[in-house]
Every structure is written in structure tokens, then in C-alpha cells.
Amino acid sequence: MAGNDAMERLTARLTLVGALAYLVAATFPYAVADVSEVGVYYGVGPLSPLLLLGPTGIALIAAFSGAKRRSDPATMAGVALVMGATTALLTALWALPAGSVVGGMASVSATFAYHRWAVLLAACLVAAGGAGYAAAVLGVVGSETKGV
């Protein structure tokens, strides 16, 4: 089982990297653009990426809580998987139409040409971390097989 523990820690760290990248990417526009332009940019789609920081944080806490055995690993794997997938899906639903708004941000349109894809990539890292953690807990990956 030592292999699974290592895989659980690795995938929990992947969730951490994705969550931190998501936090930085989601808040970056406020550092470089006018707040009203950012409001329009984030107003596209069903939910703003800022609101999706909630499920991202839940996925992170679930992965680490389960990996450190502070909560039931199987339950936390499910939470991390669902919250990561939710973040990725809703970020994709925002990112696809957000491209039409970028051209209207005259002061920073070149800066934001790829921003939405960076946010989506970070969301996918969170989802991959949650999925990897669930797979490690369930023994799908990271377990050593003993002869067939």
C-alpha cells in the first residue's frame, strides 16, 4: 500500500498546484485591467471564475484531508473528484464565450488573448488532481501488482 500513499500525496500536490494556479489566474485581471472591464469579462457565462474559487478550495481541502487521513479517504476522493470536475466544466462554459469580450478590453486586449485558456488549464489541473486522487484511493493507479 505504500505505492498508493505516495500516489495519493502526489495527486494531492497536483490539486494544490492547480488550485494555486487557478487563484492567481482568476485574480490576475484585477491587477492589470480596469475593474469595470474585468466585470464585463467575468460576467460572460454561467458563473464567474471568481465564484469557482469555492469548489476549487473544497477540492484542495478534500484531497489533503483524505491524503493525511484526517477524513475518510474514499469520501474525500469523491468530493475532490466532483469539485474538480465542476470547476473545470463551469470554467469551460465561461471560457468559450469570454473570447468575444476580450476584444472590447481596449487597454489590455493583447494581455487577455490567452488568459481564459490559462484559467481553464488551471481548472483542468484541479480536476486532474481530484481524479488522480480518487484513482489512487480506489487502487486504480499506483498499486503494485503481484504476478498474474
Foldseek 3Di string as FASTA:
>chain_A
DVQLLVLLVVLLVLLVQLLVLLVCLLCVCVVPADPVLVCVLQVAFDGGSVVLNVLSVLLNCLSVCLSVVVDPLLVSLVSQQVSLVVSLVRLVRSLVVSCVSLVVRVVCSVVCNCSSVSNNVSSVSSNSSSNSNNCSVVVVPRDDDDDD
